[in-house]
Amino acid sequence: MRPPGGIIENMKKETKLKLAKRLKVIEGQVRGLQKMVAEDKYCIDIITQSSAIRSSIGSFEDVMLENHLLTCAKDQMSGNGVKKATAEILSVYKLAKKK
């Protein structure tokens, strides 16, 4: 269960705009990748584009995690949600290790 407010109330406007911009870039990269596949582009070029998308998503996730640590997790840690905050962060960490 998410804490009340979640991303909308706890995220700075600048951060939210930064993330929206990153998502637009990722969207464009994915469209470019689709076009490359449709046009039978060179395999290595397609893989290079795919890697760029993965890197962009990683950057998006970094900003999201930083925001979470500075807002939701900080609030949980100062209250009685230490176990919950720790479990959430560890689960994200474990997902990232599987990549």
PDB file of N, CA and C in Angstrom:
ATOM      1  N   MET A   1       0.839  -1.175   0.000  1.00  0.00           N
ATOM      2  CA  MET A   1       0.000   0.000   0.000  1.00  0.00           C
ATOM      3  C   MET A   1       0.887   1.241   0.000  1.00  0.00           C
ATOM      4  N   ARG A   2       0.533   2.221  -0.847  1.00  0.00           N
ATOM      5  CA  ARG A   2       1.295   3.457  -0.957  1.00  0.00           C
ATOM      6  C   ARG A   2       0.923   4.405   0.160  1.00  0.00           C
ATOM      7  N   PRO A   3       1.891   5.264   0.551  1.00  0.00           N
ATOM      8  CA  PRO A   3       1.559   6.285   1.543  1.00  0.00           C
ATOM      9  C   PRO A   3       0.629   7.312   0.929  1.00  0.00           C
ATOM     10  N   PRO A   4      -0.150   8.018   1.769  1.00  0.00           N
ATOM     11  CA  PRO A   4      -1.050   9.033   1.227  1.00  0.00           C
ATOM     12  C   PRO A   4      -0.256  10.092   0.460  1.00  0.00           C
ATOM     13  N   GLY A   5      -0.861  10.624  -0.587  1.00  0.00           N
ATOM     14  CA  GLY A   5      -0.201  11.663  -1.366  1.00  0.00           C
ATOM     15  C   GLY A   5       0.582  11.094  -2.525  1.00  0.00           C
ATOM     16  N   GLY A   6       1.443  10.157  -2.249  1.00  0.00           N
ATOM     17  CA  GLY A   6       2.227   9.527  -3.300  1.00  0.00           C
ATOM     18  C   GLY A   6       3.046  10.517  -4.088  1.00  0.00           C
ATOM     19  N   ILE A   7       3.266  10.212  -5.347  1.00  0.00           N
ATOM     20  CA  ILE A   7       4.146  10.998  -6.203  1.00  0.00           C
ATOM     21  C   ILE A   7       3.639  12.416  -6.431  1.00  0.00           C
ATOM     22  N   ILE A   8       2.363  12.611  -6.579  1.00  0.00           N
ATOM     23  CA  ILE A   8       1.821  13.910  -6.955  1.00  0.00           C
ATOM     24  C   ILE A   8       2.088  14.965  -5.884  1.00  0.00           C
ATOM     25  N   GLU A   9       1.797  14.677  -4.658  1.00  0.00           N
ATOM     26  CA  GLU A   9       1.941  15.675  -3.602  1.00  0.00           C
ATOM     27  C   GLU A   9       3.360  15.801  -3.085  1.00  0.00           C
ATOM     28  N   ASN A  10       4.170  14.789  -3.252  1.00  0.00           N
ATOM     29  CA  ASN A  10       5.501  14.804  -2.658  1.00  0.00           C
ATOM     30  C   ASN A  10       6.608  15.200  -3.629  1.00  0.00           C
ATOM     31  N   MET A  11       6.304  15.386  -4.890  1.00  0.00           N
ATOM     32  CA  MET A  11       7.345  15.686  -5.877  1.00  0.00           C
ATOM     33  C   MET A  11       7.352  17.172  -6.199  1.00  0.00           C
ATOM     34  N   LYS A  12       8.559  17.726  -6.245  1.00  0.00           N
ATOM     35  CA  LYS A  12       8.705  19.128  -6.636  1.00  0.00           C
ATOM     36  C   LYS A  12       8.272  19.286  -8.085  1.00  0.00           C
ATOM     37  N   LYS A  13       7.744  20.449  -8.387  1.00  0.00           N
ATOM     38  CA  LYS A  13       7.275  20.725  -9.746  1.00  0.00           C
ATOM     39  C   LYS A  13       8.412  20.582 -10.760  1.00  0.00           C
ATOM     40  N   GLU A  14       9.612  21.068 -10.411  1.00  0.00           N
ATOM     41  CA  GLU A  14      10.759  20.973 -11.325  1.00  0.00           C
ATOM     42  C   GLU A  14      11.117  19.522 -11.618  1.00  0.00           C
ATOM     43  N   THR A  15      11.051  18.688 -10.587  1.00  0.00           N
ATOM     44  CA  THR A  15      11.365  17.267 -10.758  1.00  0.00           C
ATOM     45  C   THR A  15      10.346  16.607 -11.666  1.00  0.00           C
ATOM     46  N   LYS A  16       9.085  16.933 -11.443  1.00  0.00           N
ATOM     47  CA  LYS A  16       8.015  16.358 -12.258  1.00  0.00           C
ATOM     48  C   LYS A  16       8.183  16.771 -13.728  1.00  0.00           C
ATOM     49  N   LEU A  17       8.525  18.036 -13.966  1.00  0.00           N
ATOM     50  CA  LEU A  17       8.759  18.506 -15.332  1.00  0.00           C
ATOM     51  C   LEU A  17       9.963  17.804 -15.960  1.00  0.00           C
ATOM     52  N   LYS A  18      11.009  17.608 -15.172  1.00  0.00           N
ATOM     53  CA  LYS A  18      12.213  16.913 -15.634  1.00  0.00           C
ATOM     54  C   LYS A  18      11.864  15.477 -16.051  1.00  0.00           C
ATOM     55  N   LEU A  19      11.052  14.823 -15.242  1.00  0.00           N
ATOM     56  CA  LEU A  19      10.648  13.447 -15.559  1.00  0.00           C
ATOM     57  C   LEU A  19       9.756  13.395 -16.788  1.00  0.00           C
ATOM     58  N   ALA A  20       8.855  14.347 -16.916  1.00  0.00           N
ATOM     59  CA  ALA A  20       7.980  14.398 -18.093  1.00  0.00           C
ATOM     60  C   ALA A  20       8.819  14.574 -19.356  1.00  0.00           C
ATOM     61  N   LYS A  21       9.832  15.418 -19.279  1.00  0.00           N
ATOM     62  CA  LYS A  21      10.725  15.636 -20.423  1.00  0.00           C
ATOM     63  C   LYS A  21      11.483  14.350 -20.774  1.00  0.00           C
ATOM     64  N   ARG A  22      11.979  13.667 -19.752  1.00  0.00           N
ATOM     65  CA  ARG A  22      12.691  12.398 -19.987  1.00  0.00           C
ATOM     66  C   ARG A  22      11.777  11.377 -20.652  1.00  0.00           C
ATOM     67  N   LEU A  23      10.528  11.328 -20.214  1.00  0.00           N
ATOM     68  CA  LEU A  23       9.581  10.375 -20.812  1.00  0.00           C
ATOM     69  C   LEU A  23       9.303  10.707 -22.273  1.00  0.00           C
ATOM     70  N   LYS A  24       9.244  11.990 -22.604  1.00  0.00           N
ATOM     71  CA  LYS A  24       9.057  12.385 -24.005  1.00  0.00           C
ATOM     72  C   LYS A  24      10.256  11.948 -24.850  1.00  0.00           C
ATOM     73  N   VAL A  25      11.453  12.091 -24.294  1.00  0.00           N
ATOM     74  CA  VAL A  25      12.667  11.650 -25.000  1.00  0.00           C
ATOM     75  C   VAL A  25      12.615  10.145 -25.215  1.00  0.00           C
ATOM     76  N   ILE A  26      12.257   9.405 -24.177  1.00  0.00           N
ATOM     77  CA  ILE A  26      12.159   7.949 -24.277  1.00  0.00           C
ATOM     78  C   ILE A  26      11.115   7.560 -25.324  1.00  0.00           C
ATOM     79  N   GLU A  27       9.992   8.252 -25.313  1.00  0.00           N
ATOM     80  CA  GLU A  27       8.937   7.990 -26.289  1.00  0.00           C
ATOM     81  C   GLU A  27       9.480   8.176 -27.717  1.00  0.00           C
ATOM     82  N   GLY A  28      10.222   9.242 -27.936  1.00  0.00           N
ATOM     83  CA  GLY A  28      10.812   9.481 -29.254  1.00  0.00           C
ATOM     84  C   GLY A  28      11.826   8.418 -29.627  1.00  0.00           C
ATOM     85  N   GLN A  29      12.612   7.995 -28.646  1.00  0.00           N
ATOM     86  CA  GLN A  29      13.598   6.944 -28.897  1.00  0.00           C
ATOM     87  C   GLN A  29      12.915   5.637 -29.289  1.00  0.00           C
ATOM     88  N   VAL A  30      11.827   5.315 -28.612  1.00  0.00           N
ATOM     89  CA  VAL A  30      11.105   4.070 -28.914  1.00  0.00           C
ATOM     90  C   VAL A  30      10.484   4.150 -30.312  1.00  0.00           C
ATOM     91  N   ARG A  31       9.931   5.309 -30.641  1.00  0.00           N
ATOM     92  CA  ARG A  31       9.382   5.470 -32.002  1.00  0.00           C
ATOM     93  C   ARG A  31      10.484   5.299 -33.044  1.00  0.00           C
ATOM     94  N   GLY A  32      11.646   5.863 -32.765  1.00  0.00           N
ATOM     95  CA  GLY A  32      12.780   5.719 -33.672  1.00  0.00           C
ATOM     96  C   GLY A  32      13.200   4.268 -33.819  1.00  0.00           C
ATOM     97  N   LEU A  33      13.166   3.539 -32.715  1.00  0.00           N
ATOM     98  CA  LEU A  33      13.517   2.121 -32.740  1.00  0.00           C
ATOM     99  C   LEU A  33      12.506   1.330 -33.565  1.00  0.00           C
ATOM    100  N   GLN A  34      11.233   1.636 -33.392  1.00  0.00           N
ATOM    101  CA  GLN A  34      10.191   0.964 -34.183  1.00  0.00           C
ATOM    102  C   GLN A  34      10.406   1.211 -35.673  1.00  0.00           C
ATOM    103  N   LYS A  35      10.745   2.439 -36.008  1.00  0.00           N
ATOM    104  CA  LYS A  35      10.983   2.791 -37.405  1.00  0.00           C
ATOM    105  C   LYS A  35      12.200   2.042 -37.954  1.00  0.00           C
ATOM    106  N   MET A  36      13.237   1.955 -37.147  1.00  0.00           N
ATOM    107  CA  MET A  36      14.445   1.236 -37.573  1.00  0.00           C
ATOM    108  C   MET A  36      14.134  -0.222 -37.879  1.00  0.00           C
ATOM    109  N   VAL A  37      13.337  -0.847 -37.020  1.00  0.00           N
ATOM    110  CA  VAL A  37      12.965  -2.254 -37.238  1.00  0.00           C
ATOM    111  C   VAL A  37      12.115  -2.377 -38.502  1.00  0.00           C
ATOM    112  N   ALA A  38      11.149  -1.486 -38.653  1.00  0.00           N
ATOM    113  CA  ALA A  38      10.270  -1.522 -39.828  1.00  0.00           C
ATOM    114  C   ALA A  38      11.056  -1.328 -41.124  1.00  0.00           C
ATOM    115  N   GLU A  39      12.119  -0.536 -41.038  1.00  0.00           N
ATOM    116  CA  GLU A  39      12.916  -0.252 -42.232  1.00  0.00           C
ATOM    117  C   GLU A  39      14.100  -1.199 -42.395  1.00  0.00           C
ATOM    118  N   ASP A  40      14.137  -2.265 -41.597  1.00  0.00           N
ATOM    119  CA  ASP A  40      15.198  -3.274 -41.676  1.00  0.00           C
ATOM    120  C   ASP A  40      16.594  -2.673 -41.574  1.00  0.00           C
ATOM    121  N   LYS A  41      16.783  -1.797 -40.594  1.00  0.00           N
ATOM    122  CA  LYS A  41      18.093  -1.176 -40.393  1.00  0.00           C
ATOM    123  C   LYS A  41      19.089  -2.210 -39.874  1.00  0.00           C
ATOM    124  N   TYR A  42      20.334  -1.833 -39.898  1.00  0.00           N
ATOM    125  CA  TYR A  42      21.444  -2.700 -39.481  1.00  0.00           C
ATOM    126  C   TYR A  42      21.281  -3.100 -38.010  1.00  0.00           C
ATOM    127  N   CYS A  43      21.474  -4.368 -37.731  1.00  0.00           N
ATOM    128  CA  CYS A  43      21.238  -4.929 -36.386  1.00  0.00           C
ATOM    129  C   CYS A  43      21.982  -4.162 -35.289  1.00  0.00           C
ATOM    130  N   ILE A  44      23.239  -3.862 -35.520  1.00  0.00           N
ATOM    131  CA  ILE A  44      24.030  -3.176 -34.493  1.00  0.00           C
ATOM    132  C   ILE A  44      23.469  -1.784 -34.217  1.00  0.00           C
ATOM    133  N   ASP A  45      22.965  -1.114 -35.249  1.00  0.00           N
ATOM    134  CA  ASP A  45      22.353   0.199 -35.046  1.00  0.00           C
ATOM    135  C   ASP A  45      21.089   0.079 -34.190  1.00  0.00           C
ATOM    136  N   ILE A  46      20.331  -0.964 -34.412  1.00  0.00           N
ATOM    137  CA  ILE A  46      19.119  -1.200 -33.619  1.00  0.00           C
ATOM    138  C   ILE A  46      19.484  -1.501 -32.168  1.00  0.00           C
ATOM    139  N   ILE A  47      20.484  -2.327 -31.976  1.00  0.00           N
ATOM    140  CA  ILE A  47      20.929  -2.653 -30.613  1.00  0.00           C
ATOM    141  C   ILE A  47      21.452  -1.402 -29.915  1.00  0.00           C
ATOM    142  N   THR A  48      22.173  -0.561 -30.643  1.00  0.00           N
ATOM    143  CA  THR A  48      22.690   0.683 -30.067  1.00  0.00           C
ATOM    144  C   THR A  48      21.543   1.580 -29.615  1.00  0.00           C
ATOM    145  N   GLN A  49      20.513   1.689 -30.434  1.00  0.00           N
ATOM    146  CA  GLN A  49      19.345   2.493 -30.073  1.00  0.00           C
ATOM    147  C   GLN A  49      18.628   1.894 -28.865  1.00  0.00           C
ATOM    148  N   SER A  50      18.518   0.588 -28.835  1.00  0.00           N
ATOM    149  CA  SER A  50      17.882  -0.087 -27.706  1.00  0.00           C
ATOM    150  C   SER A  50      18.658   0.178 -26.411  1.00  0.00           C
ATOM    151  N   SER A  51      19.960   0.151 -26.496  1.00  0.00           N
ATOM    152  CA  SER A  51      20.800   0.439 -25.326  1.00  0.00           C
ATOM    153  C   SER A  51      20.610   1.872 -24.853  1.00  0.00           C
ATOM    154  N   ALA A  52      20.456   2.800 -25.795  1.00  0.00           N
ATOM    155  CA  ALA A  52      20.222   4.199 -25.431  1.00  0.00           C
ATOM    156  C   ALA A  52      18.898   4.339 -24.683  1.00  0.00           C
ATOM    157  N   ILE A  53      17.892   3.593 -25.118  1.00  0.00           N
ATOM    158  CA  ILE A  53      16.589   3.625 -24.443  1.00  0.00           C
ATOM    159  C   ILE A  53      16.724   3.082 -23.028  1.00  0.00           C
ATOM    160  N   ARG A  54      17.444   1.986 -22.894  1.00  0.00           N
ATOM    161  CA  ARG A  54      17.644   1.400 -21.564  1.00  0.00           C
ATOM    162  C   ARG A  54      18.346   2.394 -20.639  1.00  0.00           C
ATOM    163  N   SER A  55      19.327   3.099 -21.165  1.00  0.00           N
ATOM    164  CA  SER A  55      20.040   4.104 -20.379  1.00  0.00           C
ATOM    165  C   SER A  55      19.113   5.246 -19.972  1.00  0.00           C
ATOM    166  N   SER A  56      18.267   5.671 -20.892  1.00  0.00           N
ATOM    167  CA  SER A  56      17.307   6.741 -20.589  1.00  0.00           C
ATOM    168  C   SER A  56      16.322   6.315 -19.509  1.00  0.00           C
ATOM    169  N   ILE A  57      15.864   5.096 -19.592  1.00  0.00           N
ATOM    170  CA  ILE A  57      14.944   4.584 -18.562  1.00  0.00           C
ATOM    171  C   ILE A  57      15.666   4.512 -17.224  1.00  0.00           C
ATOM    172  N   GLY A  58      16.925   4.105 -17.247  1.00  0.00           N
ATOM    173  CA  GLY A  58      17.720   4.068 -16.018  1.00  0.00           C
ATOM    174  C   GLY A  58      17.840   5.445 -15.385  1.00  0.00           C
ATOM    175  N   SER A  59      18.046   6.470 -16.209  1.00  0.00           N
ATOM    176  CA  SER A  59      18.119   7.847 -15.702  1.00  0.00           C
ATOM    177  C   SER A  59      16.787   8.271 -15.091  1.00  0.00           C
ATOM    178  N   PHE A  60      15.690   7.897 -15.747  1.00  0.00           N
ATOM    179  CA  PHE A  60      14.359   8.182 -15.220  1.00  0.00           C
ATOM    180  C   PHE A  60      14.194   7.529 -13.842  1.00  0.00           C
ATOM    181  N   GLU A  61      14.571   6.263 -13.744  1.00  0.00           N
ATOM    182  CA  GLU A  61      14.446   5.536 -12.484  1.00  0.00           C
ATOM    183  C   GLU A  61      15.311   6.160 -11.391  1.00  0.00           C
ATOM    184  N   ASP A  62      16.510   6.646 -11.758  1.00  0.00           N
ATOM    185  CA  ASP A  62      17.387   7.289 -10.778  1.00  0.00           C
ATOM    186  C   ASP A  62      16.716   8.511 -10.159  1.00  0.00           C
ATOM    187  N   VAL A  63      16.095   9.337 -10.998  1.00  0.00           N
ATOM    188  CA  VAL A  63      15.417  10.535 -10.494  1.00  0.00           C
ATOM    189  C   VAL A  63      14.226  10.137  -9.623  1.00  0.00           C
ATOM    190  N   MET A  64      13.473   9.126 -10.056  1.00  0.00           N
ATOM    191  CA  MET A  64      12.329   8.667  -9.261  1.00  0.00           C
ATOM    192  C   MET A  64      12.775   8.151  -7.894  1.00  0.00           C
ATOM    193  N   LEU A  65      13.849   7.360  -7.880  1.00  0.00           N
ATOM    194  CA  LEU A  65      14.330   6.812  -6.611  1.00  0.00           C
ATOM    195  C   LEU A  65      14.835   7.932  -5.700  1.00  0.00           C
ATOM    196  N   GLU A  66      15.567   8.875  -6.270  1.00  0.00           N
ATOM    197  CA  GLU A  66      16.047  10.000  -5.469  1.00  0.00           C
ATOM    198  C   GLU A  66      14.875  10.755  -4.856  1.00  0.00           C
ATOM    199  N   ASN A  67      13.846  11.013  -5.665  1.00  0.00           N
ATOM    200  CA  ASN A  67      12.664  11.689  -5.143  1.00  0.00           C
ATOM    201  C   ASN A  67      12.027  10.879  -4.017  1.00  0.00           C
ATOM    202  N   HIS A  68      11.914   9.583  -4.218  1.00  0.00           N
ATOM    203  CA  HIS A  68      11.303   8.733  -3.194  1.00  0.00           C
ATOM    204  C   HIS A  68      12.105   8.793  -1.889  1.00  0.00           C
ATOM    205  N   LEU A  69      13.421   8.728  -2.014  1.00  0.00           N
ATOM    206  CA  LEU A  69      14.257   8.759  -0.814  1.00  0.00           C
ATOM    207  C   LEU A  69      14.155  10.097  -0.081  1.00  0.00           C
ATOM    208  N   LEU A  70      14.045  11.184  -0.845  1.00  0.00           N
ATOM    209  CA  LEU A  70      13.982  12.518  -0.244  1.00  0.00           C
ATOM    210  C   LEU A  70      12.600  12.877   0.301  1.00  0.00           C
ATOM    211  N   THR A  71      11.591  12.140  -0.096  1.00  0.00           N
ATOM    212  CA  THR A  71      10.231  12.472   0.339  1.00  0.00           C
ATOM    213  C   THR A  71       9.611  11.313   1.119  1.00  0.00           C
ATOM    214  N   CYS A  72       9.060  10.372   0.413  1.00  0.00           N
ATOM    215  CA  CYS A  72       8.302   9.276   1.050  1.00  0.00           C
ATOM    216  C   CYS A  72       9.140   8.483   2.052  1.00  0.00           C
ATOM    217  N   ALA A  73      10.313   8.019   1.616  1.00  0.00           N
ATOM    218  CA  ALA A  73      11.139   7.191   2.505  1.00  0.00           C
ATOM    219  C   ALA A  73      11.609   7.990   3.713  1.00  0.00           C
ATOM    220  N   LYS A  74      11.984   9.245   3.493  1.00  0.00           N
ATOM    221  CA  LYS A  74      12.421  10.100   4.603  1.00  0.00           C
ATOM    222  C   LYS A  74      11.307  10.234   5.639  1.00  0.00           C
ATOM    223  N   ASP A  75      10.091  10.471   5.156  1.00  0.00           N
ATOM    224  CA  ASP A  75       8.953  10.597   6.064  1.00  0.00           C
ATOM    225  C   ASP A  75       8.691   9.289   6.808  1.00  0.00           C
ATOM    226  N   GLN A  76       8.776   8.176   6.078  1.00  0.00           N
ATOM    227  CA  GLN A  76       8.560   6.879   6.717  1.00  0.00           C
ATOM    228  C   GLN A  76       9.632   6.598   7.763  1.00  0.00           C
ATOM    229  N   MET A  77      10.881   6.938   7.439  1.00  0.00           N
ATOM    230  CA  MET A  77      11.996   6.668   8.358  1.00  0.00           C
ATOM    231  C   MET A  77      11.903   7.511   9.636  1.00  0.00           C
ATOM    232  N   SER A  78      11.348   8.704   9.521  1.00  0.00           N
ATOM    233  CA  SER A  78      11.235   9.555  10.711  1.00  0.00           C
ATOM    234  C   SER A  78      10.020   9.166  11.558  1.00  0.00           C
ATOM    235  N   GLY A  79       9.151   8.365  10.992  1.00  0.00           N
ATOM    236  CA  GLY A  79       7.986   7.889  11.729  1.00  0.00           C
ATOM    237  C   GLY A  79       8.170   6.440  12.137  1.00  0.00           C
ATOM    238  N   ASN A  80       7.091   5.692  12.041  1.00  0.00           N
ATOM    239  CA  ASN A  80       7.174   4.279  12.436  1.00  0.00           C
ATOM    240  C   ASN A  80       7.151   3.359  11.208  1.00  0.00           C
ATOM    241  N   GLY A  81       7.534   3.878  10.047  1.00  0.00           N
ATOM    242  CA  GLY A  81       7.511   3.076   8.829  1.00  0.00           C
ATOM    243  C   GLY A  81       8.878   2.613   8.367  1.00  0.00           C
ATOM    244  N   VAL A  82       9.818   2.483   9.304  1.00  0.00           N
ATOM    245  CA  VAL A  82      11.195   2.104   8.940  1.00  0.00           C
ATOM    246  C   VAL A  82      11.230   0.760   8.222  1.00  0.00           C
ATOM    247  N   LYS A  83      10.526  -0.228   8.743  1.00  0.00           N
ATOM    248  CA  LYS A  83      10.538  -1.561   8.118  1.00  0.00           C
ATOM    249  C   LYS A  83       9.948  -1.513   6.711  1.00  0.00           C
ATOM    250  N   LYS A  84       8.855  -0.782   6.551  1.00  0.00           N
ATOM    251  CA  LYS A  84       8.202  -0.687   5.247  1.00  0.00           C
ATOM    252  C   LYS A  84       9.115   0.019   4.244  1.00  0.00           C
ATOM    253  N   ALA A  85       9.700   1.134   4.659  1.00  0.00           N
ATOM    254  CA  ALA A  85      10.587   1.887   3.765  1.00  0.00           C
ATOM    255  C   ALA A  85      11.791   1.035   3.365  1.00  0.00           C
ATOM    256  N   THR A  86      12.357   0.329   4.313  1.00  0.00           N
ATOM    257  CA  THR A  86      13.508  -0.527   4.034  1.00  0.00           C
ATOM    258  C   THR A  86      13.127  -1.636   3.067  1.00  0.00           C
ATOM    259  N   ALA A  87      11.979  -2.257   3.275  1.00  0.00           N
ATOM    260  CA  ALA A  87      11.525  -3.339   2.394  1.00  0.00           C
ATOM    261  C   ALA A  87      11.294  -2.831   0.971  1.00  0.00           C
ATOM    262  N   GLU A  88      10.691  -1.661   0.836  1.00  0.00           N
ATOM    263  CA  GLU A  88      10.449  -1.089  -0.500  1.00  0.00           C
ATOM    264  C   GLU A  88      11.760  -0.822  -1.231  1.00  0.00           C
ATOM    265  N   ILE A  89      12.697  -0.204  -0.535  1.00  0.00           N
ATOM    266  CA  ILE A  89      13.977   0.136  -1.163  1.00  0.00           C
ATOM    267  C   ILE A  89      14.741  -1.119  -1.535  1.00  0.00           C
ATOM    268  N   LEU A  90      14.740  -2.111  -0.662  1.00  0.00           N
ATOM    269  CA  LEU A  90      15.420  -3.374  -0.977  1.00  0.00           C
ATOM    270  C   LEU A  90      14.768  -4.090  -2.157  1.00  0.00           C
ATOM    271  N   SER A  91      13.454  -4.031  -2.275  1.00  0.00           N
ATOM    272  CA  SER A  91      12.788  -4.702  -3.399  1.00  0.00           C
ATOM    273  C   SER A  91      13.154  -4.027  -4.720  1.00  0.00           C
ATOM    274  N   VAL A  92      13.249  -2.693  -4.724  1.00  0.00           N
ATOM    275  CA  VAL A  92      13.667  -1.972  -5.930  1.00  0.00           C
ATOM    276  C   VAL A  92      15.119  -2.307  -6.252  1.00  0.00           C
ATOM    277  N   TYR A  93      15.951  -2.364  -5.237  1.00  0.00           N
ATOM    278  CA  TYR A  93      17.360  -2.709  -5.418  1.00  0.00           C
ATOM    279  C   TYR A  93      17.512  -4.105  -6.020  1.00  0.00           C
ATOM    280  N   LYS A  94      16.736  -5.052  -5.509  1.00  0.00           N
ATOM    281  CA  LYS A  94      16.794  -6.429  -6.030  1.00  0.00           C
ATOM    282  C   LYS A  94      16.329  -6.489  -7.477  1.00  0.00           C
ATOM    283  N   LEU A  95      15.285  -5.726  -7.828  1.00  0.00           N
ATOM    284  CA  LEU A  95      14.824  -5.664  -9.232  1.00  0.00           C
ATOM    285  C   LEU A  95      15.925  -5.119 -10.129  1.00  0.00           C
ATOM    286  N   ALA A  96      16.614  -4.094  -9.666  1.00  0.00           N
ATOM    287  CA  ALA A  96      17.676  -3.474 -10.460  1.00  0.00           C
ATOM    288  C   ALA A  96      18.835  -4.441 -10.668  1.00  0.00           C
ATOM    289  N   LYS A  97      19.121  -5.280  -9.697  1.00  0.00           N
ATOM    290  CA  LYS A  97      20.216  -6.248  -9.830  1.00  0.00           C
ATOM    291  C   LYS A  97      19.902  -7.308 -10.872  1.00  0.00           C
ATOM    292  N   LYS A  98      18.632  -7.577 -11.144  1.00  0.00           N
ATOM    293  CA  LYS A  98      18.232  -8.614 -12.106  1.00  0.00           C
ATOM    294  C   LYS A  98      18.463  -8.193 -13.540  1.00  0.00           C
ATOM    295  N   LYS A  99      18.699  -6.921 -13.776  1.00  0.00           N
ATOM    296  CA  LYS A  99      18.867  -6.414 -15.153  1.00  0.00           C
ATOM    297  C   LYS A  99      20.104  -6.970 -15.801  1.00  0.00           C
TER     298      LYS A  99
END
